[in-house]
N, C-alpha and C. Protein backbone atom coordinates (compact mmCIF):
# COMPACT_ATOMS: atom_id res chain seq x y z
N UNK A 1 -34.43 -43.12 141.58
CA UNK A 1 -34.79 -42.20 140.52
C UNK A 1 -35.77 -41.21 141.12
N UNK A 2 -35.50 -39.96 140.88
CA UNK A 2 -36.33 -38.91 141.44
C UNK A 2 -37.45 -38.51 140.49
N UNK A 3 -37.11 -38.28 139.22
CA UNK A 3 -38.13 -37.90 138.24
C UNK A 3 -37.62 -38.12 136.82
N UNK A 4 -38.57 -38.15 135.89
CA UNK A 4 -38.27 -38.29 134.46
C UNK A 4 -39.02 -37.17 133.74
N UNK A 5 -38.31 -36.47 132.86
CA UNK A 5 -38.91 -35.36 132.12
C UNK A 5 -38.68 -35.60 130.63
N UNK A 6 -39.76 -35.66 129.86
CA UNK A 6 -39.64 -35.73 128.40
C UNK A 6 -39.47 -34.31 127.91
N UNK A 7 -38.36 -34.05 127.18
CA UNK A 7 -38.15 -32.68 126.74
C UNK A 7 -38.04 -32.52 125.24
N UNK A 8 -38.15 -33.61 124.48
CA UNK A 8 -38.16 -33.47 123.02
C UNK A 8 -38.81 -34.68 122.39
N UNK A 9 -39.68 -34.44 121.43
CA UNK A 9 -40.29 -35.50 120.63
C UNK A 9 -40.14 -35.09 119.18
N UNK A 10 -39.51 -35.96 118.39
CA UNK A 10 -39.26 -35.69 116.98
C UNK A 10 -39.90 -36.80 116.17
N UNK A 11 -40.68 -36.43 115.16
CA UNK A 11 -41.39 -37.42 114.36
C UNK A 11 -41.02 -37.29 112.89
N UNK A 12 -40.57 -38.38 112.33
CA UNK A 12 -40.38 -38.53 110.88
C UNK A 12 -40.94 -39.89 110.53
N UNK A 13 -40.08 -40.78 110.04
CA UNK A 13 -40.53 -42.15 109.79
C UNK A 13 -40.82 -42.85 111.11
N UNK A 14 -39.99 -42.56 112.09
CA UNK A 14 -40.16 -43.09 113.44
C UNK A 14 -40.23 -41.92 114.40
N UNK A 15 -40.70 -42.18 115.59
CA UNK A 15 -40.75 -41.14 116.61
C UNK A 15 -39.53 -41.29 117.52
N UNK A 16 -38.85 -40.18 117.77
CA UNK A 16 -37.73 -40.16 118.71
C UNK A 16 -38.15 -39.35 119.93
N UNK A 17 -37.91 -39.92 121.09
CA UNK A 17 -38.25 -39.25 122.34
C UNK A 17 -36.98 -39.08 123.15
N UNK A 18 -36.72 -37.86 123.58
CA UNK A 18 -35.57 -37.57 124.42
C UNK A 18 -36.09 -37.24 125.81
N UNK A 19 -35.49 -37.87 126.80
CA UNK A 19 -35.93 -37.59 128.16
C UNK A 19 -34.74 -37.46 129.09
N UNK A 20 -34.97 -36.78 130.18
CA UNK A 20 -33.94 -36.56 131.19
C UNK A 20 -34.38 -37.28 132.46
N UNK A 21 -33.46 -38.01 133.05
CA UNK A 21 -33.74 -38.75 134.28
C UNK A 21 -32.93 -38.13 135.41
N UNK A 22 -33.59 -37.82 136.51
CA UNK A 22 -32.93 -37.26 137.68
C UNK A 22 -32.83 -38.34 138.75
N UNK A 23 -31.62 -38.58 139.22
CA UNK A 23 -31.37 -39.57 140.26
C UNK A 23 -31.07 -38.86 141.57
N UNK A 24 -31.60 -39.42 142.66
CA UNK A 24 -31.33 -38.85 143.97
C UNK A 24 -31.48 -39.96 145.00
N UNK A 25 -30.58 -39.97 145.96
CA UNK A 25 -30.66 -40.92 147.06
C UNK A 25 -30.85 -40.16 148.36
N UNK A 26 -31.77 -40.63 149.18
CA UNK A 26 -31.97 -40.03 150.50
C UNK A 26 -31.08 -40.69 151.55
N UNK A 27 -30.34 -41.72 151.11
CA UNK A 27 -29.50 -42.48 152.03
C UNK A 27 -28.03 -42.09 151.96
N UNK A 28 -27.61 -41.43 150.90
CA UNK A 28 -26.20 -41.05 150.77
C UNK A 28 -25.88 -40.66 149.34
N UNK A 29 -24.62 -40.42 149.09
CA UNK A 29 -24.16 -40.01 147.77
C UNK A 29 -24.21 -41.19 146.81
N UNK A 30 -24.75 -40.95 145.62
CA UNK A 30 -24.77 -41.98 144.59
C UNK A 30 -23.41 -42.03 143.91
N UNK A 31 -22.91 -43.24 143.72
CA UNK A 31 -21.64 -43.43 143.03
C UNK A 31 -21.91 -43.69 141.55
N UNK A 32 -20.87 -43.55 140.74
CA UNK A 32 -21.01 -43.82 139.31
C UNK A 32 -21.54 -45.22 139.06
N UNK A 33 -21.07 -46.20 139.84
CA UNK A 33 -21.53 -47.59 139.68
C UNK A 33 -23.03 -47.70 139.91
N UNK A 34 -23.54 -46.97 140.91
CA UNK A 34 -24.98 -46.99 141.20
C UNK A 34 -25.78 -46.46 140.01
N UNK A 35 -25.32 -45.33 139.47
CA UNK A 35 -26.01 -44.71 138.33
C UNK A 35 -25.94 -45.61 137.10
N UNK A 36 -24.76 -46.21 136.86
CA UNK A 36 -24.61 -47.11 135.71
C UNK A 36 -25.60 -48.26 135.77
N UNK A 37 -25.77 -48.86 136.94
CA UNK A 37 -26.71 -49.97 137.09
C UNK A 37 -28.15 -49.53 136.83
N UNK A 38 -28.51 -48.35 137.33
CA UNK A 38 -29.86 -47.83 137.11
C UNK A 38 -30.10 -47.52 135.64
N UNK A 39 -29.11 -46.93 134.97
CA UNK A 39 -29.25 -46.63 133.54
C UNK A 39 -29.39 -47.91 132.73
N UNK A 40 -28.60 -48.91 133.04
CA UNK A 40 -28.69 -50.19 132.34
C UNK A 40 -30.08 -50.81 132.51
N UNK A 41 -30.63 -50.72 133.71
CA UNK A 41 -31.96 -51.27 133.97
C UNK A 41 -33.03 -50.52 133.16
N UNK A 42 -32.93 -49.20 133.12
CA UNK A 42 -33.89 -48.39 132.35
C UNK A 42 -33.82 -48.77 130.88
N UNK A 43 -32.61 -48.86 130.33
CA UNK A 43 -32.43 -49.21 128.92
C UNK A 43 -32.97 -50.61 128.65
N UNK A 44 -32.67 -51.56 129.53
CA UNK A 44 -33.15 -52.94 129.36
C UNK A 44 -34.68 -52.99 129.37
N UNK A 45 -35.30 -52.27 130.29
CA UNK A 45 -36.77 -52.26 130.38
C UNK A 45 -37.40 -51.62 129.14
N UNK A 46 -36.85 -50.48 128.71
CA UNK A 46 -37.42 -49.80 127.55
C UNK A 46 -37.25 -50.61 126.27
N UNK A 47 -36.07 -51.20 126.07
CA UNK A 47 -35.83 -51.95 124.83
C UNK A 47 -36.55 -53.29 124.82
N UNK A 48 -37.11 -53.71 125.96
CA UNK A 48 -37.90 -54.95 125.97
C UNK A 48 -39.31 -54.71 125.42
N UNK A 49 -39.68 -53.44 125.24
CA UNK A 49 -40.98 -53.09 124.68
C UNK A 49 -40.89 -53.21 123.16
N UNK A 50 -41.85 -53.91 122.57
CA UNK A 50 -41.83 -54.13 121.12
C UNK A 50 -41.81 -52.80 120.37
N UNK A 51 -40.87 -52.67 119.43
CA UNK A 51 -40.77 -51.48 118.60
C UNK A 51 -39.86 -50.40 119.16
N UNK A 52 -39.39 -50.57 120.39
CA UNK A 52 -38.52 -49.57 121.00
C UNK A 52 -37.06 -49.97 120.77
N UNK A 53 -36.28 -49.02 120.26
CA UNK A 53 -34.85 -49.24 120.07
C UNK A 53 -34.09 -48.06 120.67
N UNK A 54 -32.87 -48.31 121.04
CA UNK A 54 -32.00 -47.27 121.58
C UNK A 54 -31.23 -46.65 120.44
N UNK A 55 -31.33 -45.36 120.30
CA UNK A 55 -30.58 -44.65 119.27
C UNK A 55 -29.32 -44.08 119.91
N UNK A 56 -28.18 -44.36 119.31
CA UNK A 56 -26.92 -43.87 119.89
C UNK A 56 -26.28 -42.86 118.98
């Protein structure tokens, strides 16, 4: 993961945060499988925080 940028915060009853994640490898081209695993890990880590849910 190269960087994370929060680009929108919306507040009503709950707060919604939208962020963009930039992936980059210095070792070679990232494959879809690589990105999928990283996204799953990010989602798993964030949703393990009390009160955090994934909005789809």
